Amino acid sequence: RLIDQLCIMSGRIVRPDTDVSSLSAALPLETIPTADTDYGNPHADTDKNRQVPVVSRLAAQPRFHRPILHFCRQLDGWIAKMEQSLHDRDMEGLAEAAHWLKGNAGTVGYDDFTGPVIRLQEYLQMGQMDEAGMAAAEIINLADNIVPPDAEKLETAS
């Protein structure tokens, strides 16, 4: 049980049968939700919404540019689904978008999505919609800062 609690506090593993209510005292104050926190608005917390480019680890390899670009084009639709699901508090829709993103982002080298997507899935499994909203907002921020391959260079290289 101690290992489970340490994993939960580190954000790496959350087992559905673990009672996390006793852990709030061990969390840093900035992670404890407040009454005025807006989880449905991805732009509510400006510290979390830093403008850091999200670049694929495969971007330097031209042979991967087409699949990366294909992912980026599909991403917009899935992020829209995630935003609508957040607005509607639709856990199934969020889970579907998270499943797609988890399976595709890392495949094309966007590893920055892995942690937030895993957290989103874990919160959804535990029925913690507010926390899921925070993870989804982080994912939406990452998507806003994604750097796709240059489509013009891709077309001229063909």
N, C-alpha and C. Protein backbone atom coordinates (compact mmCIF):
# COMPACT_ATOMS: atom_id res chain seq x y z
N ARG A 1 0.82 -1.20 0.00
CA ARG A 1 0.00 0.00 0.00
C ARG A 1 0.85 1.26 0.00
N LEU A 2 1.99 1.26 0.69
CA LEU A 2 2.85 2.42 0.71
C LEU A 2 3.38 2.72 -0.70
N ILE A 3 3.77 1.68 -1.41
CA ILE A 3 4.26 1.88 -2.77
C ILE A 3 3.16 2.46 -3.64
N ASP A 4 1.93 1.95 -3.50
CA ASP A 4 0.81 2.49 -4.27
C ASP A 4 0.62 3.98 -3.98
N GLN A 5 0.68 4.36 -2.70
CA GLN A 5 0.49 5.76 -2.33
C GLN A 5 1.60 6.64 -2.89
N LEU A 6 2.84 6.16 -2.86
CA LEU A 6 3.95 6.92 -3.41
C LEU A 6 3.79 7.10 -4.92
N CYS A 7 3.34 6.04 -5.59
CA CYS A 7 3.11 6.13 -7.03
C CYS A 7 2.01 7.12 -7.34
N ILE A 8 0.97 7.11 -6.55
CA ILE A 8 -0.13 8.06 -6.76
C ILE A 8 0.37 9.48 -6.58
N MET A 9 1.13 9.71 -5.52
CA MET A 9 1.63 11.06 -5.26
C MET A 9 2.59 11.52 -6.35
N SER A 10 3.33 10.60 -6.95
CA SER A 10 4.26 10.98 -8.01
C SER A 10 3.54 11.17 -9.34
N GLY A 11 2.28 10.72 -9.43
CA GLY A 11 1.52 10.87 -10.66
C GLY A 11 1.81 9.79 -11.68
N ARG A 12 2.48 8.72 -11.29
CA ARG A 12 2.85 7.70 -12.25
C ARG A 12 1.81 6.59 -12.37
N ILE A 13 1.25 6.12 -11.26
CA ILE A 13 0.31 5.01 -11.31
C ILE A 13 -0.83 5.32 -10.35
N VAL A 14 -2.04 5.09 -10.79
CA VAL A 14 -3.19 5.22 -9.92
C VAL A 14 -4.03 3.98 -10.10
N ARG A 15 -4.14 3.22 -9.03
CA ARG A 15 -4.98 2.03 -9.09
C ARG A 15 -6.40 2.42 -8.74
N PRO A 16 -7.38 1.88 -9.47
CA PRO A 16 -8.77 2.26 -9.23
C PRO A 16 -9.27 1.96 -7.82
N ASP A 17 -8.67 0.97 -7.14
CA ASP A 17 -9.14 0.59 -5.81
C ASP A 17 -8.43 1.33 -4.69
N THR A 18 -7.58 2.30 -5.01
CA THR A 18 -6.84 3.04 -4.00
C THR A 18 -7.62 4.27 -3.57
N ASP A 19 -7.74 4.47 -2.26
CA ASP A 19 -8.41 5.64 -1.73
C ASP A 19 -7.42 6.80 -1.72
N VAL A 20 -7.64 7.78 -2.61
CA VAL A 20 -6.72 8.89 -2.71
C VAL A 20 -7.15 10.09 -1.86
N SER A 21 -8.28 10.00 -1.19
CA SER A 21 -8.77 11.14 -0.43
C SER A 21 -7.83 11.51 0.72
N SER A 22 -7.10 10.54 1.27
CA SER A 22 -6.20 10.83 2.38
C SER A 22 -4.88 11.42 1.92
N LEU A 23 -4.67 11.52 0.61
CA LEU A 23 -3.39 11.99 0.10
C LEU A 23 -3.35 13.50 -0.12
N SER A 24 -4.47 14.19 -0.03
CA SER A 24 -4.48 15.62 -0.36
C SER A 24 -3.55 16.41 0.54
N ALA A 25 -3.33 15.98 1.78
CA ALA A 25 -2.43 16.70 2.66
C ALA A 25 -0.98 16.57 2.19
N ALA A 26 -0.67 15.51 1.48
CA ALA A 26 0.69 15.31 1.00
C ALA A 26 0.97 15.98 -0.33
N LEU A 27 -0.07 16.49 -0.99
CA LEU A 27 0.11 17.13 -2.29
C LEU A 27 0.58 18.56 -2.13
N PRO A 28 1.40 19.04 -3.05
CA PRO A 28 1.76 20.46 -3.02
C PRO A 28 0.52 21.31 -3.14
N LEU A 29 0.50 22.45 -2.48
CA LEU A 29 -0.70 23.29 -2.46
C LEU A 29 -1.19 23.67 -3.84
N GLU A 30 -0.27 23.87 -4.81
CA GLU A 30 -0.73 24.29 -6.13
C GLU A 30 -1.50 23.20 -6.87
N THR A 31 -1.44 21.94 -6.41
CA THR A 31 -2.18 20.88 -7.08
C THR A 31 -3.55 20.64 -6.46
N ILE A 32 -3.82 21.28 -5.32
CA ILE A 32 -5.11 21.09 -4.67
C ILE A 32 -6.11 22.06 -5.29
N PRO A 33 -7.21 21.52 -5.86
CA PRO A 33 -8.19 22.39 -6.52
C PRO A 33 -8.80 23.39 -5.57
N THR A 34 -9.13 24.56 -6.09
CA THR A 34 -9.82 25.57 -5.31
C THR A 34 -11.19 25.80 -5.93
N ALA A 35 -12.05 26.48 -5.21
CA ALA A 35 -13.42 26.69 -5.67
C ALA A 35 -13.48 27.51 -6.95
N ASP A 36 -12.49 28.39 -7.17
CA ASP A 36 -12.54 29.24 -8.36
C ASP A 36 -11.75 28.68 -9.54
N THR A 37 -11.26 27.44 -9.44
CA THR A 37 -10.53 26.83 -10.54
C THR A 37 -11.51 26.45 -11.64
N ASP A 38 -11.19 26.84 -12.88
CA ASP A 38 -12.05 26.54 -14.03
C ASP A 38 -11.41 25.42 -14.84
N TYR A 39 -11.85 24.17 -14.61
CA TYR A 39 -11.25 23.03 -15.28
C TYR A 39 -11.72 22.88 -16.71
N GLY A 40 -12.86 23.44 -17.03
CA GLY A 40 -13.37 23.32 -18.38
C GLY A 40 -12.72 24.30 -19.36
N ASN A 41 -12.01 25.29 -18.84
CA ASN A 41 -11.38 26.29 -19.70
C ASN A 41 -9.89 26.02 -19.78
N PRO A 42 -9.39 25.56 -20.94
CA PRO A 42 -7.97 25.24 -21.04
C PRO A 42 -7.06 26.46 -20.89
N HIS A 43 -7.62 27.65 -20.92
CA HIS A 43 -6.81 28.86 -20.79
C HIS A 43 -6.93 29.48 -19.40
N ALA A 44 -7.52 28.76 -18.44
CA ALA A 44 -7.76 29.31 -17.11
C ALA A 44 -6.47 29.49 -16.32
N ASP A 45 -5.52 28.59 -16.45
CA ASP A 45 -4.28 28.64 -15.67
C ASP A 45 -3.13 29.00 -16.61
N THR A 46 -2.70 30.24 -16.56
CA THR A 46 -1.69 30.69 -17.52
C THR A 46 -0.35 30.03 -17.30
N ASP A 47 -0.02 29.60 -16.08
CA ASP A 47 1.25 28.91 -15.86
C ASP A 47 1.29 27.59 -16.61
N LYS A 48 0.18 26.89 -16.65
CA LYS A 48 0.12 25.61 -17.35
C LYS A 48 0.11 25.81 -18.86
N ASN A 49 -0.28 26.99 -19.31
CA ASN A 49 -0.42 27.25 -20.73
C ASN A 49 0.77 28.03 -21.28
N ARG A 50 1.94 27.57 -20.95
CA ARG A 50 3.14 28.20 -21.47
C ARG A 50 3.24 27.92 -22.97
N GLN A 51 3.87 28.80 -23.68
CA GLN A 51 3.98 28.67 -25.13
C GLN A 51 5.29 27.97 -25.48
N VAL A 52 5.38 26.70 -25.20
CA VAL A 52 6.56 25.90 -25.51
C VAL A 52 6.23 25.04 -26.73
N PRO A 53 7.04 25.12 -27.78
CA PRO A 53 6.77 24.31 -28.96
C PRO A 53 6.81 22.81 -28.64
N VAL A 54 5.87 22.08 -29.18
CA VAL A 54 5.81 20.63 -29.01
C VAL A 54 6.26 20.03 -30.34
N VAL A 55 7.46 19.46 -30.35
CA VAL A 55 8.08 18.96 -31.57
C VAL A 55 8.23 17.44 -31.49
N SER A 56 7.95 16.76 -32.57
CA SER A 56 8.11 15.31 -32.64
C SER A 56 9.59 14.96 -32.55
N ARG A 57 9.90 13.91 -31.79
CA ARG A 57 11.28 13.43 -31.73
C ARG A 57 11.71 12.85 -33.07
N LEU A 58 10.78 12.61 -33.98
CA LEU A 58 11.07 12.07 -35.30
C LEU A 58 11.14 13.15 -36.39
N ALA A 59 10.98 14.40 -36.00
CA ALA A 59 10.89 15.50 -36.97
C ALA A 59 12.14 15.66 -37.83
N ALA A 60 13.28 15.27 -37.33
CA ALA A 60 14.52 15.43 -38.09
C ALA A 60 14.69 14.36 -39.16
N GLN A 61 13.80 13.39 -39.19
CA GLN A 61 13.89 12.29 -40.15
C GLN A 61 12.79 12.45 -41.21
N PRO A 62 13.16 12.89 -42.40
CA PRO A 62 12.16 13.18 -43.45
C PRO A 62 11.21 12.02 -43.76
N ARG A 63 11.65 10.80 -43.61
CA ARG A 63 10.77 9.67 -43.93
C ARG A 63 9.55 9.59 -43.01
N PHE A 64 9.62 10.28 -41.86
CA PHE A 64 8.49 10.28 -40.93
C PHE A 64 7.59 11.50 -41.08
N HIS A 65 7.93 12.41 -41.96
CA HIS A 65 7.15 13.64 -42.07
C HIS A 65 5.70 13.39 -42.49
N ARG A 66 5.46 12.48 -43.43
CA ARG A 66 4.08 12.21 -43.85
C ARG A 66 3.21 11.68 -42.70
N PRO A 67 3.66 10.64 -41.97
CA PRO A 67 2.82 10.18 -40.86
C PRO A 67 2.64 11.23 -39.77
N ILE A 68 3.67 12.04 -39.53
CA ILE A 68 3.54 13.09 -38.51
C ILE A 68 2.50 14.11 -38.96
N LEU A 69 2.57 14.52 -40.22
CA LEU A 69 1.61 15.49 -40.76
C LEU A 69 0.19 14.92 -40.74
N HIS A 70 0.05 13.64 -41.08
CA HIS A 70 -1.26 12.99 -41.03
C HIS A 70 -1.82 13.03 -39.61
N PHE A 71 -0.98 12.73 -38.63
CA PHE A 71 -1.39 12.80 -37.22
C PHE A 71 -1.85 14.21 -36.87
N CYS A 72 -1.07 15.20 -37.26
CA CYS A 72 -1.40 16.59 -36.93
C CYS A 72 -2.74 17.01 -37.53
N ARG A 73 -3.01 16.54 -38.74
CA ARG A 73 -4.30 16.87 -39.38
C ARG A 73 -5.46 16.21 -38.64
N GLN A 74 -5.27 14.99 -38.19
CA GLN A 74 -6.33 14.30 -37.44
C GLN A 74 -6.49 14.86 -36.03
N LEU A 75 -5.41 15.36 -35.48
CA LEU A 75 -5.42 15.84 -34.10
C LEU A 75 -6.47 16.92 -33.87
N ASP A 76 -6.62 17.83 -34.82
CA ASP A 76 -7.60 18.91 -34.65
C ASP A 76 -9.00 18.38 -34.36
N GLY A 77 -9.41 17.36 -35.09
CA GLY A 77 -10.74 16.78 -34.88
C GLY A 77 -10.88 16.12 -33.52
N TRP A 78 -9.83 15.44 -33.09
CA TRP A 78 -9.87 14.77 -31.79
C TRP A 78 -9.83 15.77 -30.63
N ILE A 79 -9.10 16.85 -30.82
CA ILE A 79 -9.08 17.89 -29.78
C ILE A 79 -10.45 18.56 -29.70
N ALA A 80 -11.08 18.78 -30.85
CA ALA A 80 -12.44 19.35 -30.85
C ALA A 80 -13.40 18.42 -30.11
N LYS A 81 -13.25 17.11 -30.34
CA LYS A 81 -14.09 16.13 -29.63
C LYS A 81 -13.82 16.19 -28.13
N MET A 82 -12.55 16.33 -27.76
CA MET A 82 -12.19 16.40 -26.35
C MET A 82 -12.79 17.66 -25.71
N GLU A 83 -12.69 18.79 -26.40
CA GLU A 83 -13.26 20.04 -25.87
C GLU A 83 -14.77 19.94 -25.71
N GLN A 84 -15.46 19.35 -26.70
CA GLN A 84 -16.91 19.20 -26.61
C GLN A 84 -17.27 18.24 -25.48
N SER A 85 -16.50 17.17 -25.35
CA SER A 85 -16.76 16.20 -24.28
C SER A 85 -16.54 16.83 -22.91
N LEU A 86 -15.54 17.69 -22.80
CA LEU A 86 -15.32 18.42 -21.55
C LEU A 86 -16.51 19.30 -21.23
N HIS A 87 -16.96 20.04 -22.23
CA HIS A 87 -18.10 20.93 -22.05
C HIS A 87 -19.34 20.16 -21.62
N ASP A 88 -19.55 18.98 -22.24
CA ASP A 88 -20.73 18.16 -21.94
C ASP A 88 -20.53 17.24 -20.74
N ARG A 89 -19.32 17.25 -20.17
CA ARG A 89 -18.94 16.33 -19.08
C ARG A 89 -19.19 14.88 -19.51
N ASP A 90 -18.80 14.59 -20.75
CA ASP A 90 -18.98 13.28 -21.37
C ASP A 90 -17.71 12.45 -21.17
N MET A 91 -17.73 11.60 -20.18
CA MET A 91 -16.55 10.80 -19.85
C MET A 91 -16.21 9.80 -20.96
N GLU A 92 -17.23 9.26 -21.61
CA GLU A 92 -16.99 8.31 -22.70
C GLU A 92 -16.29 8.97 -23.88
N GLY A 93 -16.73 10.17 -24.23
CA GLY A 93 -16.11 10.91 -25.32
C GLY A 93 -14.66 11.26 -25.01
N LEU A 94 -14.42 11.67 -23.75
CA LEU A 94 -13.04 11.97 -23.34
C LEU A 94 -12.18 10.72 -23.39
N ALA A 95 -12.73 9.60 -22.94
CA ALA A 95 -11.97 8.34 -22.95
C ALA A 95 -11.63 7.91 -24.37
N GLU A 96 -12.58 8.10 -25.29
CA GLU A 96 -12.33 7.74 -26.69
C GLU A 96 -11.22 8.59 -27.30
N ALA A 97 -11.27 9.90 -27.03
CA ALA A 97 -10.23 10.80 -27.54
C ALA A 97 -8.87 10.48 -26.92
N ALA A 98 -8.87 10.19 -25.62
CA ALA A 98 -7.61 9.84 -24.93
C ALA A 98 -7.04 8.54 -25.49
N HIS A 99 -7.89 7.59 -25.76
CA HIS A 99 -7.44 6.31 -26.32
C HIS A 99 -6.77 6.53 -27.68
N TRP A 100 -7.40 7.33 -28.55
CA TRP A 100 -6.82 7.61 -29.86
C TRP A 100 -5.47 8.31 -29.71
N LEU A 101 -5.45 9.31 -28.85
CA LEU A 101 -4.24 10.11 -28.68
C LEU A 101 -3.09 9.28 -28.11
N LYS A 102 -3.41 8.45 -27.13
CA LYS A 102 -2.37 7.61 -26.52
C LYS A 102 -1.78 6.65 -27.55
N GLY A 103 -2.60 6.14 -28.41
CA GLY A 103 -2.12 5.19 -29.40
C GLY A 103 -1.38 5.81 -30.57
N ASN A 104 -1.60 7.10 -30.82
CA ASN A 104 -1.04 7.72 -32.02
C ASN A 104 0.05 8.75 -31.76
N ALA A 105 -0.05 9.52 -30.69
CA ALA A 105 0.92 10.60 -30.46
C ALA A 105 2.35 10.06 -30.31
N GLY A 106 2.53 9.06 -29.48
CA GLY A 106 3.86 8.51 -29.29
C GLY A 106 4.39 7.82 -30.52
N THR A 107 3.51 7.24 -31.30
CA THR A 107 3.92 6.54 -32.52
C THR A 107 4.62 7.48 -33.49
N VAL A 108 4.17 8.74 -33.54
CA VAL A 108 4.80 9.71 -34.44
C VAL A 108 5.74 10.65 -33.70
N GLY A 109 6.11 10.30 -32.47
CA GLY A 109 7.16 11.03 -31.77
C GLY A 109 6.73 12.17 -30.89
N TYR A 110 5.44 12.38 -30.69
CA TYR A 110 4.98 13.44 -29.79
C TYR A 110 4.82 12.86 -28.38
N ASP A 111 5.94 12.60 -27.75
CA ASP A 111 5.96 11.94 -26.44
C ASP A 111 5.46 12.83 -25.31
N ASP A 112 5.39 14.14 -25.53
CA ASP A 112 4.91 15.05 -24.49
C ASP A 112 3.47 14.75 -24.09
N PHE A 113 2.72 14.10 -24.97
CA PHE A 113 1.32 13.79 -24.68
C PHE A 113 1.15 12.60 -23.74
N THR A 114 2.15 11.74 -23.64
CA THR A 114 2.01 10.47 -22.94
C THR A 114 1.55 10.64 -21.49
N GLY A 115 2.27 11.43 -20.71
CA GLY A 115 1.92 11.61 -19.29
C GLY A 115 0.52 12.17 -19.08
N PRO A 116 0.19 13.30 -19.72
CA PRO A 116 -1.14 13.86 -19.54
C PRO A 116 -2.26 12.92 -19.99
N VAL A 117 -2.04 12.16 -21.07
CA VAL A 117 -3.07 11.24 -21.54
C VAL A 117 -3.26 10.09 -20.55
N ILE A 118 -2.18 9.57 -20.01
CA ILE A 118 -2.30 8.51 -19.01
C ILE A 118 -3.03 9.03 -17.78
N ARG A 119 -2.70 10.24 -17.34
CA ARG A 119 -3.41 10.82 -16.18
C ARG A 119 -4.90 10.99 -16.50
N LEU A 120 -5.20 11.46 -17.70
CA LEU A 120 -6.61 11.63 -18.08
C LEU A 120 -7.34 10.29 -18.01
N GLN A 121 -6.75 9.26 -18.56
CA GLN A 121 -7.40 7.94 -18.53
C GLN A 121 -7.58 7.44 -17.10
N GLU A 122 -6.59 7.65 -16.26
CA GLU A 122 -6.70 7.20 -14.87
C GLU A 122 -7.80 7.94 -14.13
N TYR A 123 -7.86 9.26 -14.31
CA TYR A 123 -8.91 10.04 -13.65
C TYR A 123 -10.29 9.63 -14.14
N LEU A 124 -10.41 9.36 -15.43
CA LEU A 124 -11.70 8.91 -15.97
C LEU A 124 -12.10 7.57 -15.39
N GLN A 125 -11.13 6.65 -15.25
CA GLN A 125 -11.43 5.34 -14.67
C GLN A 125 -11.92 5.47 -13.24
N MET A 126 -11.43 6.48 -12.52
CA MET A 126 -11.84 6.68 -11.13
C MET A 126 -13.06 7.58 -11.01
N GLY A 127 -13.56 8.08 -12.16
CA GLY A 127 -14.73 8.94 -12.12
C GLY A 127 -14.46 10.33 -11.60
N GLN A 128 -13.22 10.79 -11.66
CA GLN A 128 -12.84 12.11 -11.16
C GLN A 128 -12.82 13.11 -12.31
N MET A 129 -13.99 13.64 -12.61
CA MET A 129 -14.17 14.50 -13.78
C MET A 129 -13.39 15.81 -13.67
N ASP A 130 -13.32 16.41 -12.49
CA ASP A 130 -12.59 17.67 -12.35
C ASP A 130 -11.11 17.48 -12.65
N GLU A 131 -10.53 16.42 -12.10
CA GLU A 131 -9.12 16.13 -12.36
C GLU A 131 -8.91 15.76 -13.83
N ALA A 132 -9.85 15.02 -14.39
CA ALA A 132 -9.79 14.69 -15.81
C ALA A 132 -9.81 15.97 -16.65
N GLY A 133 -10.58 16.94 -16.23
CA GLY A 133 -10.63 18.23 -16.92
C GLY A 133 -9.28 18.94 -16.90
N MET A 134 -8.57 18.85 -15.77
CA MET A 134 -7.23 19.46 -15.70
C MET A 134 -6.27 18.77 -16.67
N ALA A 135 -6.30 17.44 -16.71
CA ALA A 135 -5.43 16.70 -17.62
C ALA A 135 -5.80 17.00 -19.08
N ALA A 136 -7.08 17.08 -19.37
CA ALA A 136 -7.52 17.39 -20.73
C ALA A 136 -7.08 18.79 -21.13
N ALA A 137 -7.15 19.74 -20.21
CA ALA A 137 -6.70 21.11 -20.50
C ALA A 137 -5.20 21.12 -20.82
N GLU A 138 -4.43 20.31 -20.13
CA GLU A 138 -3.00 20.21 -20.41
C GLU A 138 -2.77 19.63 -21.81
N ILE A 139 -3.56 18.64 -22.18
CA ILE A 139 -3.46 18.03 -23.52
C ILE A 139 -3.83 19.04 -24.60
N ILE A 140 -4.88 19.79 -24.37
CA ILE A 140 -5.32 20.81 -25.33
C ILE A 140 -4.24 21.86 -25.50
N ASN A 141 -3.60 22.26 -24.40
CA ASN A 141 -2.50 23.22 -24.48
C ASN A 141 -1.34 22.67 -25.30
N LEU A 142 -1.00 21.41 -25.09
CA LEU A 142 0.06 20.79 -25.89
C LEU A 142 -0.30 20.82 -27.38
N ALA A 143 -1.54 20.46 -27.67
CA ALA A 143 -1.99 20.44 -29.07
C ALA A 143 -1.92 21.84 -29.69
N ASP A 144 -2.23 22.86 -28.90
CA ASP A 144 -2.15 24.24 -29.39
C ASP A 144 -0.73 24.64 -29.76
N ASN A 145 0.25 23.98 -29.17
CA ASN A 145 1.66 24.33 -29.37
C ASN A 145 2.42 23.34 -30.23
N ILE A 146 1.70 22.44 -30.88
CA ILE A 146 2.35 21.41 -31.68
C ILE A 146 3.00 22.02 -32.93
N VAL A 147 4.15 21.49 -33.28
CA VAL A 147 4.87 21.95 -34.46
C VAL A 147 4.87 20.81 -35.48
N PRO A 148 4.02 20.92 -36.52
CA PRO A 148 3.99 19.88 -37.55
C PRO A 148 5.14 20.08 -38.54
N PRO A 149 5.44 19.06 -39.33
CA PRO A 149 6.44 19.24 -40.39
C PRO A 149 5.92 20.27 -41.40
N ASP A 150 6.82 20.90 -42.10
CA ASP A 150 6.46 21.91 -43.09
C ASP A 150 5.83 21.23 -44.30
N ALA A 151 4.53 21.42 -44.50
CA ALA A 151 3.80 20.74 -45.58
C ALA A 151 4.31 21.17 -46.95
N GLU A 152 4.72 22.41 -47.11
CA GLU A 152 5.22 22.87 -48.42
C GLU A 152 6.50 22.14 -48.79
N LYS A 153 7.41 21.99 -47.83
CA LYS A 153 8.65 21.26 -48.11
C LYS A 153 8.36 19.80 -48.41
N LEU A 154 7.36 19.25 -47.74
CA LEU A 154 6.98 17.86 -47.95
C LEU A 154 6.48 17.66 -49.37
N GLU A 155 5.66 18.60 -49.86
CA GLU A 155 5.11 18.49 -51.22
C GLU A 155 6.20 18.65 -52.28
N THR A 156 7.15 19.57 -52.06
CA THR A 156 8.20 19.78 -53.06
C THR A 156 9.22 18.65 -53.06
N ALA A 157 9.33 17.92 -51.94
CA ALA A 157 10.27 16.81 -51.87
C ALA A 157 9.74 15.57 -52.57
N SER A 158 8.43 15.54 -52.86
CA SER A 158 7.81 14.36 -53.48
C SER A 158 8.11 14.26 -54.94
